Amino acid sequence: MIIPFIAADLREVSPQVLAYIGDSVYELYARCHVATKCAGNNNKMHKKNVGYVAATAQARAMRILESELDEEEDSYFRRGRNCNPHTSSKNANHGDYMYATGFEALIGFLFLDNRTTRLEQIITRTFEILDAE
């Protein structure tokens, strides 16, 4: 996989950029996960995918995952959660939206730092949490 060069030190990258990248990475993983469950029916796949990528779903999973993060991962999550976004979600409350932004910033950090194994562990765990509901 080609990892884009954004900065030599990811601590210099704004949490909004990390979340922007993380959103697209997580979306792709979620689509692949959904396609294995209900391939062939676009409407069904779309509805199932929304259950994984919605801010409320990401926030629910992150509230459980938060205790499983190491210190550096938690730092990137908190940076994303505490950033000052210029948008808000129409379908989630502010707290859930900020937790989801923190989740996406964490995913963006892991992707850009080429920590594929840990990225996939966290995403797999997220799917386990959401599938159990």
N, C-alpha and C. Protein backbone atom coordinates (compact mmCIF):
# COMPACT_ATOMS: atom_id res chain seq x y z
N MET A 1 0.84 -1.17 0.00
CA MET A 1 0.00 0.00 0.00
C MET A 1 0.89 1.24 0.00
N ILE A 2 0.47 2.24 -0.68
CA ILE A 2 1.22 3.50 -0.72
C ILE A 2 0.70 4.40 0.40
N ILE A 3 1.59 4.80 1.26
CA ILE A 3 1.24 5.70 2.36
C ILE A 3 1.70 7.10 1.95
N PRO A 4 0.77 8.04 1.91
CA PRO A 4 1.15 9.39 1.50
C PRO A 4 2.03 10.07 2.55
N PHE A 5 2.93 10.92 2.09
CA PHE A 5 3.76 11.68 3.01
C PHE A 5 3.01 12.95 3.36
N ILE A 6 2.68 13.12 4.61
CA ILE A 6 1.99 14.32 5.06
C ILE A 6 2.89 15.15 5.95
N ALA A 7 3.65 14.49 6.82
CA ALA A 7 4.58 15.19 7.71
C ALA A 7 5.57 14.17 8.26
N ALA A 8 6.77 14.66 8.53
CA ALA A 8 7.78 13.79 9.12
C ALA A 8 7.38 13.36 10.53
N ASP A 9 6.68 14.22 11.22
CA ASP A 9 6.23 13.95 12.59
C ASP A 9 4.71 14.11 12.61
N LEU A 10 4.00 13.02 12.84
CA LEU A 10 2.53 13.07 12.81
C LEU A 10 1.94 13.90 13.94
N ARG A 11 2.74 14.22 14.95
CA ARG A 11 2.25 15.11 16.01
C ARG A 11 2.03 16.52 15.47
N GLU A 12 2.64 16.83 14.32
CA GLU A 12 2.48 18.15 13.71
C GLU A 12 1.25 18.23 12.81
N VAL A 13 0.62 17.11 12.54
CA VAL A 13 -0.55 17.07 11.68
C VAL A 13 -1.79 17.40 12.51
N SER A 14 -2.63 18.27 11.98
CA SER A 14 -3.83 18.66 12.74
C SER A 14 -4.75 17.46 12.92
N PRO A 15 -5.47 17.42 14.03
CA PRO A 15 -6.39 16.31 14.27
C PRO A 15 -7.49 16.24 13.21
N GLN A 16 -7.86 17.39 12.63
CA GLN A 16 -8.87 17.38 11.58
C GLN A 16 -8.37 16.64 10.35
N VAL A 17 -7.08 16.79 10.01
CA VAL A 17 -6.50 16.07 8.87
C VAL A 17 -6.45 14.57 9.18
N LEU A 18 -6.03 14.22 10.38
CA LEU A 18 -5.99 12.82 10.78
C LEU A 18 -7.39 12.20 10.70
N ALA A 19 -8.39 12.93 11.19
CA ALA A 19 -9.77 12.43 11.15
C ALA A 19 -10.28 12.32 9.72
N TYR A 20 -9.89 13.25 8.87
CA TYR A 20 -10.30 13.22 7.46
C TYR A 20 -9.77 11.96 6.78
N ILE A 21 -8.50 11.66 7.02
CA ILE A 21 -7.89 10.45 6.47
C ILE A 21 -8.51 9.21 7.12
N GLY A 22 -8.65 9.24 8.44
CA GLY A 22 -9.20 8.10 9.16
C GLY A 22 -10.62 7.78 8.76
N ASP A 23 -11.41 8.80 8.46
CA ASP A 23 -12.79 8.59 8.02
C ASP A 23 -12.82 7.75 6.75
N SER A 24 -11.98 8.08 5.79
CA SER A 24 -11.99 7.34 4.52
C SER A 24 -11.42 5.93 4.68
N VAL A 25 -10.40 5.78 5.51
CA VAL A 25 -9.82 4.45 5.74
C VAL A 25 -10.86 3.55 6.41
N TYR A 26 -11.50 4.05 7.47
CA TYR A 26 -12.50 3.27 8.18
C TYR A 26 -13.70 2.94 7.28
N GLU A 27 -14.11 3.90 6.47
CA GLU A 27 -15.22 3.68 5.53
C GLU A 27 -14.92 2.51 4.61
N LEU A 28 -13.70 2.44 4.09
CA LEU A 28 -13.32 1.35 3.19
C LEU A 28 -13.34 0.01 3.91
N TYR A 29 -12.79 -0.04 5.11
CA TYR A 29 -12.83 -1.28 5.88
C TYR A 29 -14.29 -1.69 6.18
N ALA A 30 -15.12 -0.72 6.53
CA ALA A 30 -16.52 -1.02 6.83
C ALA A 30 -17.24 -1.55 5.59
N ARG A 31 -16.98 -0.95 4.45
CA ARG A 31 -17.61 -1.43 3.21
C ARG A 31 -17.19 -2.86 2.89
N CYS A 32 -15.92 -3.15 3.07
CA CYS A 32 -15.44 -4.52 2.83
C CYS A 32 -16.09 -5.50 3.80
N HIS A 33 -16.19 -5.10 5.06
CA HIS A 33 -16.82 -5.94 6.08
C HIS A 33 -18.28 -6.21 5.73
N VAL A 34 -18.99 -5.17 5.33
CA VAL A 34 -20.41 -5.31 4.97
C VAL A 34 -20.56 -6.17 3.71
N ALA A 35 -19.68 -6.00 2.75
CA ALA A 35 -19.78 -6.76 1.50
C ALA A 35 -19.66 -8.26 1.75
N THR A 36 -18.92 -8.65 2.77
CA THR A 36 -18.80 -10.07 3.08
C THR A 36 -20.07 -10.62 3.72
N LYS A 37 -20.88 -9.73 4.29
CA LYS A 37 -22.09 -10.16 4.98
C LYS A 37 -23.33 -10.17 4.10
N CYS A 38 -23.45 -9.21 3.20
CA CYS A 38 -24.67 -9.10 2.39
C CYS A 38 -24.36 -8.65 0.97
N ALA A 39 -23.44 -9.33 0.35
CA ALA A 39 -23.04 -9.00 -1.02
C ALA A 39 -24.21 -9.16 -1.98
N GLY A 40 -24.27 -8.25 -2.93
CA GLY A 40 -25.25 -8.36 -4.00
C GLY A 40 -26.45 -7.47 -3.88
N ASN A 41 -26.74 -6.95 -2.72
CA ASN A 41 -27.89 -6.09 -2.53
C ASN A 41 -27.38 -4.72 -2.08
N ASN A 42 -27.31 -3.78 -3.03
CA ASN A 42 -26.74 -2.46 -2.73
C ASN A 42 -27.47 -1.72 -1.62
N ASN A 43 -28.78 -1.76 -1.62
CA ASN A 43 -29.54 -1.05 -0.60
C ASN A 43 -29.27 -1.64 0.78
N LYS A 44 -29.26 -2.96 0.85
CA LYS A 44 -28.99 -3.64 2.13
C LYS A 44 -27.57 -3.33 2.61
N MET A 45 -26.60 -3.36 1.67
CA MET A 45 -25.21 -3.06 2.05
C MET A 45 -25.09 -1.63 2.55
N HIS A 46 -25.75 -0.69 1.87
CA HIS A 46 -25.67 0.71 2.30
C HIS A 46 -26.22 0.89 3.71
N LYS A 47 -27.39 0.32 3.96
CA LYS A 47 -28.01 0.47 5.28
C LYS A 47 -27.14 -0.16 6.37
N LYS A 48 -26.57 -1.31 6.08
CA LYS A 48 -25.70 -1.97 7.06
C LYS A 48 -24.44 -1.14 7.30
N ASN A 49 -23.88 -0.58 6.23
CA ASN A 49 -22.67 0.23 6.35
C ASN A 49 -22.90 1.47 7.22
N VAL A 50 -24.05 2.08 7.08
CA VAL A 50 -24.37 3.26 7.89
C VAL A 50 -24.31 2.91 9.37
N GLY A 51 -24.68 1.68 9.72
CA GLY A 51 -24.63 1.24 11.12
C GLY A 51 -23.21 1.18 11.68
N TYR A 52 -22.23 1.11 10.81
CA TYR A 52 -20.83 1.08 11.24
C TYR A 52 -20.17 2.47 11.21
N VAL A 53 -20.55 3.28 10.24
CA VAL A 53 -19.82 4.54 10.04
C VAL A 53 -20.50 5.75 10.68
N ALA A 54 -21.72 5.60 11.17
CA ALA A 54 -22.40 6.71 11.82
C ALA A 54 -21.62 7.15 13.06
N ALA A 55 -21.65 8.43 13.33
CA ALA A 55 -20.93 8.97 14.49
C ALA A 55 -21.37 8.31 15.78
N THR A 56 -22.66 8.04 15.92
CA THR A 56 -23.15 7.42 17.15
C THR A 56 -22.57 6.01 17.32
N ALA A 57 -22.45 5.26 16.23
CA ALA A 57 -21.88 3.92 16.30
C ALA A 57 -20.40 3.98 16.64
N GLN A 58 -19.67 4.86 15.99
CA GLN A 58 -18.24 5.01 16.27
C GLN A 58 -18.03 5.41 17.72
N ALA A 59 -18.86 6.30 18.22
CA ALA A 59 -18.74 6.76 19.61
C ALA A 59 -19.01 5.62 20.59
N ARG A 60 -20.04 4.81 20.33
CA ARG A 60 -20.34 3.67 21.21
C ARG A 60 -19.16 2.72 21.27
N ALA A 61 -18.60 2.41 20.12
CA ALA A 61 -17.45 1.50 20.08
C ALA A 61 -16.25 2.11 20.78
N MET A 62 -16.01 3.40 20.54
CA MET A 62 -14.83 4.06 21.09
C MET A 62 -14.89 4.15 22.60
N ARG A 63 -16.07 4.29 23.15
CA ARG A 63 -16.19 4.35 24.62
C ARG A 63 -15.73 3.03 25.26
N ILE A 64 -15.87 1.94 24.54
CA ILE A 64 -15.38 0.64 25.02
C ILE A 64 -13.89 0.50 24.70
N LEU A 65 -13.52 0.86 23.48
CA LEU A 65 -12.12 0.72 23.03
C LEU A 65 -11.14 1.62 23.76
N GLU A 66 -11.63 2.73 24.27
CA GLU A 66 -10.75 3.73 24.90
C GLU A 66 -9.85 3.11 25.96
N SER A 67 -10.37 2.17 26.72
CA SER A 67 -9.57 1.55 27.78
C SER A 67 -8.54 0.57 27.24
N GLU A 68 -8.62 0.23 25.96
CA GLU A 68 -7.71 -0.73 25.34
C GLU A 68 -6.56 -0.06 24.57
N LEU A 69 -6.51 1.27 24.59
CA LEU A 69 -5.48 2.00 23.85
C LEU A 69 -4.21 2.15 24.68
N ASP A 70 -3.07 2.19 23.99
CA ASP A 70 -1.84 2.52 24.70
C ASP A 70 -1.75 4.04 24.83
N GLU A 71 -0.73 4.50 25.49
CA GLU A 71 -0.60 5.93 25.79
C GLU A 71 -0.55 6.79 24.53
N GLU A 72 0.21 6.38 23.54
CA GLU A 72 0.33 7.17 22.31
C GLU A 72 -0.99 7.18 21.53
N GLU A 73 -1.64 6.03 21.43
CA GLU A 73 -2.92 5.96 20.74
C GLU A 73 -3.95 6.83 21.44
N ASP A 74 -3.97 6.78 22.75
CA ASP A 74 -4.90 7.60 23.52
C ASP A 74 -4.64 9.09 23.29
N SER A 75 -3.39 9.45 23.15
CA SER A 75 -3.04 10.84 22.88
C SER A 75 -3.64 11.32 21.56
N TYR A 76 -3.54 10.51 20.51
CA TYR A 76 -4.11 10.88 19.21
C TYR A 76 -5.64 10.88 19.27
N PHE A 77 -6.21 9.93 19.98
CA PHE A 77 -7.67 9.92 20.16
C PHE A 77 -8.13 11.20 20.85
N ARG A 78 -7.46 11.57 21.95
CA ARG A 78 -7.85 12.77 22.70
C ARG A 78 -7.68 14.03 21.87
N ARG A 79 -6.60 14.10 21.08
CA ARG A 79 -6.41 15.27 20.19
C ARG A 79 -7.59 15.42 19.24
N GLY A 80 -8.03 14.30 18.67
CA GLY A 80 -9.18 14.35 17.76
C GLY A 80 -10.47 14.68 18.49
N ARG A 81 -10.66 14.07 19.65
CA ARG A 81 -11.88 14.30 20.43
C ARG A 81 -11.99 15.74 20.90
N ASN A 82 -10.85 16.35 21.22
CA ASN A 82 -10.86 17.70 21.79
C ASN A 82 -10.66 18.81 20.76
N CYS A 83 -10.55 18.46 19.48
CA CYS A 83 -10.32 19.50 18.47
C CYS A 83 -11.58 20.36 18.32
N ASN A 84 -11.43 21.45 17.65
CA ASN A 84 -12.54 22.37 17.44
C ASN A 84 -12.99 22.27 15.99
N PRO A 85 -13.93 21.34 15.69
CA PRO A 85 -14.33 21.15 14.30
C PRO A 85 -15.16 22.33 13.80
N HIS A 86 -15.12 22.50 12.50
CA HIS A 86 -15.88 23.59 11.88
C HIS A 86 -17.23 23.10 11.39
N THR A 87 -17.53 21.84 11.64
CA THR A 87 -18.82 21.27 11.25
C THR A 87 -19.38 20.50 12.44
N SER A 88 -20.62 20.09 12.29
CA SER A 88 -21.24 19.25 13.30
C SER A 88 -22.13 18.23 12.60
N SER A 89 -22.50 17.21 13.31
CA SER A 89 -23.32 16.16 12.75
C SER A 89 -24.79 16.49 12.92
N LYS A 90 -25.57 16.22 11.89
CA LYS A 90 -27.01 16.44 12.00
C LYS A 90 -27.71 15.25 12.66
N ASN A 91 -27.00 14.11 12.75
CA ASN A 91 -27.62 12.90 13.28
C ASN A 91 -27.02 12.42 14.60
N ALA A 92 -26.13 13.20 15.20
CA ALA A 92 -25.51 12.79 16.45
C ALA A 92 -25.36 13.99 17.37
N ASN A 93 -25.38 13.74 18.67
CA ASN A 93 -25.16 14.85 19.60
C ASN A 93 -23.68 15.23 19.57
N HIS A 94 -23.38 16.35 20.16
CA HIS A 94 -22.01 16.88 20.10
C HIS A 94 -20.99 15.93 20.73
N GLY A 95 -21.33 15.33 21.84
CA GLY A 95 -20.40 14.41 22.51
C GLY A 95 -20.07 13.20 21.65
N ASP A 96 -21.10 12.61 21.05
CA ASP A 96 -20.86 11.47 20.17
C ASP A 96 -20.04 11.88 18.95
N TYR A 97 -20.34 13.05 18.41
CA TYR A 97 -19.60 13.54 17.25
C TYR A 97 -18.12 13.70 17.58
N MET A 98 -17.83 14.22 18.76
CA MET A 98 -16.43 14.43 19.13
C MET A 98 -15.72 13.10 19.40
N TYR A 99 -16.42 12.15 20.00
CA TYR A 99 -15.83 10.81 20.19
C TYR A 99 -15.54 10.16 18.84
N ALA A 100 -16.46 10.32 17.89
CA ALA A 100 -16.26 9.76 16.55
C ALA A 100 -15.09 10.43 15.86
N THR A 101 -14.95 11.73 16.05
CA THR A 101 -13.82 12.45 15.46
C THR A 101 -12.51 11.95 16.06
N GLY A 102 -12.50 11.70 17.36
CA GLY A 102 -11.32 11.13 18.00
C GLY A 102 -10.99 9.75 17.46
N PHE A 103 -12.02 8.93 17.27
CA PHE A 103 -11.84 7.60 16.69
C PHE A 103 -11.22 7.70 15.30
N GLU A 104 -11.77 8.58 14.48
CA GLU A 104 -11.26 8.74 13.11
C GLU A 104 -9.83 9.29 13.11
N ALA A 105 -9.51 10.19 14.03
CA ALA A 105 -8.14 10.70 14.13
C ALA A 105 -7.17 9.57 14.50
N LEU A 106 -7.59 8.70 15.41
CA LEU A 106 -6.78 7.55 15.77
C LEU A 106 -6.55 6.64 14.56
N ILE A 107 -7.60 6.36 13.82
CA ILE A 107 -7.49 5.52 12.63
C ILE A 107 -6.56 6.18 11.61
N GLY A 108 -6.69 7.49 11.43
CA GLY A 108 -5.82 8.22 10.51
C GLY A 108 -4.37 8.15 10.92
N PHE A 109 -4.11 8.30 12.22
CA PHE A 109 -2.74 8.20 12.73
C PHE A 109 -2.16 6.82 12.46
N LEU A 110 -2.91 5.78 12.81
CA LEU A 110 -2.40 4.41 12.61
C LEU A 110 -2.13 4.13 11.13
N PHE A 111 -3.00 4.60 10.27
CA PHE A 111 -2.81 4.40 8.84
C PHE A 111 -1.57 5.14 8.33
N LEU A 112 -1.46 6.41 8.67
CA LEU A 112 -0.34 7.22 8.18
C LEU A 112 0.99 6.79 8.77
N ASP A 113 0.95 6.20 9.96
CA ASP A 113 2.18 5.72 10.60
C ASP A 113 2.48 4.27 10.19
N ASN A 114 1.69 3.75 9.28
CA ASN A 114 1.89 2.41 8.73
C ASN A 114 1.83 1.31 9.80
N ARG A 115 0.97 1.49 10.78
CA ARG A 115 0.78 0.49 11.84
C ARG A 115 -0.42 -0.39 11.47
N THR A 116 -0.26 -1.12 10.39
CA THR A 116 -1.36 -1.88 9.81
C THR A 116 -1.92 -2.92 10.76
N THR A 117 -1.05 -3.63 11.47
CA THR A 117 -1.53 -4.67 12.37
C THR A 117 -2.42 -4.07 13.45
N ARG A 118 -1.97 -2.99 14.07
CA ARG A 118 -2.77 -2.37 15.14
C ARG A 118 -4.04 -1.74 14.57
N LEU A 119 -3.94 -1.13 13.40
CA LEU A 119 -5.11 -0.54 12.73
C LEU A 119 -6.18 -1.61 12.54
N GLU A 120 -5.77 -2.75 12.04
CA GLU A 120 -6.73 -3.82 11.79
C GLU A 120 -7.26 -4.43 13.08
N GLN A 121 -6.44 -4.47 14.13
CA GLN A 121 -6.93 -4.95 15.43
C GLN A 121 -8.04 -4.05 15.95
N ILE A 122 -7.83 -2.74 15.88
CA ILE A 122 -8.83 -1.80 16.39
C ILE A 122 -10.10 -1.83 15.55
N ILE A 123 -9.96 -1.89 14.24
CA ILE A 123 -11.14 -1.93 13.38
C ILE A 123 -11.89 -3.25 13.57
N THR A 124 -11.19 -4.35 13.67
CA THR A 124 -11.84 -5.64 13.91
C THR A 124 -12.58 -5.62 15.24
N ARG A 125 -11.94 -5.07 16.25
CA ARG A 125 -12.59 -4.96 17.57
C ARG A 125 -13.82 -4.06 17.50
N THR A 126 -13.75 -2.98 16.73
CA THR A 126 -14.89 -2.09 16.54
C THR A 126 -16.06 -2.86 15.93
N PHE A 127 -15.79 -3.64 14.88
CA PHE A 127 -16.84 -4.44 14.26
C PHE A 127 -17.42 -5.45 15.24
N GLU A 128 -16.58 -6.07 16.07
CA GLU A 128 -17.06 -7.02 17.06
C GLU A 128 -18.03 -6.34 18.04
N ILE A 129 -17.65 -5.16 18.49
CA ILE A 129 -18.50 -4.42 19.44
C ILE A 129 -19.83 -4.07 18.79
N LEU A 130 -19.80 -3.55 17.57
CA LEU A 130 -21.02 -3.12 16.91
C LEU A 130 -21.87 -4.30 16.47
N ASP A 131 -21.24 -5.40 16.07
CA ASP A 131 -22.00 -6.59 15.67
C ASP A 131 -22.68 -7.25 16.85
N ALA A 132 -22.14 -7.07 18.05
CA ALA A 132 -22.71 -7.69 19.24
C ALA A 132 -23.98 -7.00 19.70
N GLU A 133 -24.22 -5.82 19.21
CA GLU A 133 -25.41 -5.04 19.65
C GLU A 133 -26.67 -5.55 19.01
